[in-house]
Amino acid sequence: MNEGRTFFAHLLDFLPKYEFDKCVARYQGNFRAHNLPNYKHFLVLTFA
């Protein structure tokens, strides 16, 4: 039985959301992204 955090949660600790947002703003990553923001897309690909 799992009594702690999942591996996915530990993996996401290596890249905080504010660091990811800084990179997206720097390279204009959300330009023309209408349906799925970059952070959610990142989470989906990381989980897969």
C-alpha atoms as a PDB file:
ATOM      1  CA  MET A   1       0.000   0.000   0.000  1.00  0.00           C
ATOM      2  CA  ASN A   2       1.266   3.467  -0.908  1.00  0.00           C
ATOM      3  CA  GLU A   3       1.803   5.594   2.176  1.00  0.00           C
ATOM      4  CA  GLY A   4       3.649   8.502   0.592  1.00  0.00           C
ATOM      5  CA  ARG A   5       3.833  10.522  -2.549  1.00  0.00           C
ATOM      6  CA  THR A   6       3.818   8.978  -5.986  1.00  0.00           C
ATOM      7  CA  PHE A   7       6.829   8.785  -8.270  1.00  0.00           C
ATOM      8  CA  PHE A   8       5.150  11.312 -10.576  1.00  0.00           C
ATOM      9  CA  ALA A   9       4.951  13.857  -7.743  1.00  0.00           C
ATOM     10  CA  HIS A  10       8.641  13.361  -6.950  1.00  0.00           C
ATOM     11  CA  LEU A  11       9.509  13.785 -10.607  1.00  0.00           C
ATOM     12  CA  LEU A  12       7.644  17.089 -10.826  1.00  0.00           C
ATOM     13  CA  ASP A  13       9.645  18.458  -7.884  1.00  0.00           C
ATOM     14  CA  PHE A  14      12.699  18.732 -10.132  1.00  0.00           C
ATOM     15  CA  LEU A  15      11.056  21.442 -12.265  1.00  0.00           C
ATOM     16  CA  PRO A  16       8.948  23.903 -10.275  1.00  0.00           C
ATOM     17  CA  LYS A  17       6.016  25.494 -12.090  1.00  0.00           C
ATOM     18  CA  TYR A  18       7.422  29.005 -11.819  1.00  0.00           C
ATOM     19  CA  GLU A  19      10.622  27.884 -13.597  1.00  0.00           C
ATOM     20  CA  PHE A  20       8.552  26.293 -16.333  1.00  0.00           C
ATOM     21  CA  ASP A  21       6.469  29.474 -16.646  1.00  0.00           C
ATOM     22  CA  LYS A  22       9.640  31.557 -16.968  1.00  0.00           C
ATOM     23  CA  CYS A  23      10.815  29.389 -19.871  1.00  0.00           C
ATOM     24  CA  VAL A  24       7.409  29.573 -21.561  1.00  0.00           C
ATOM     25  CA  ALA A  25       7.352  33.364 -21.245  1.00  0.00           C
ATOM     26  CA  ARG A  26      10.909  33.688 -22.494  1.00  0.00           C
ATOM     27  CA  TYR A  27      10.309  31.649 -25.642  1.00  0.00           C
ATOM     28  CA  GLN A  28       6.625  32.637 -26.092  1.00  0.00           C
ATOM     29  CA  GLY A  29       5.546  29.014 -25.811  1.00  0.00           C
ATOM     30  CA  ASN A  30       1.832  29.691 -25.314  1.00  0.00           C
ATOM     31  CA  PHE A  31       1.576  31.577 -28.611  1.00  0.00           C
ATOM     32  CA  ARG A  32      -1.355  30.103 -30.560  1.00  0.00           C
ATOM     33  CA  ALA A  33      -2.041  27.490 -27.885  1.00  0.00           C
ATOM     34  CA  HIS A  34      -5.831  27.560 -27.637  1.00  0.00           C
ATOM     35  CA  ASN A  35      -6.948  24.181 -26.307  1.00  0.00           C
ATOM     36  CA  LEU A  36      -4.140  22.922 -24.091  1.00  0.00           C
ATOM     37  CA  PRO A  37      -1.703  25.209 -22.239  1.00  0.00           C
ATOM     38  CA  ASN A  38       1.962  24.219 -22.259  1.00  0.00           C
ATOM     39  CA  TYR A  39       2.133  23.197 -18.603  1.00  0.00           C
ATOM     40  CA  LYS A  40      -0.775  20.780 -18.920  1.00  0.00           C
ATOM     41  CA  HIS A  41       0.743  19.384 -22.106  1.00  0.00           C
ATOM     42  CA  PHE A  42       4.032  18.918 -20.246  1.00  0.00           C
ATOM     43  CA  LEU A  43       2.231  17.075 -17.426  1.00  0.00           C
ATOM     44  CA  VAL A  44       0.472  14.755 -19.870  1.00  0.00           C
ATOM     45  CA  LEU A  45       3.698  13.907 -21.700  1.00  0.00           C
ATOM     46  CA  THR A  46       5.608  13.423 -18.438  1.00  0.00           C
ATOM     47  CA  PHE A  47       2.947  11.094 -17.071  1.00  0.00           C
ATOM     48  CA  ALA A  48       2.870   9.079 -20.309  1.00  0.00           C
END
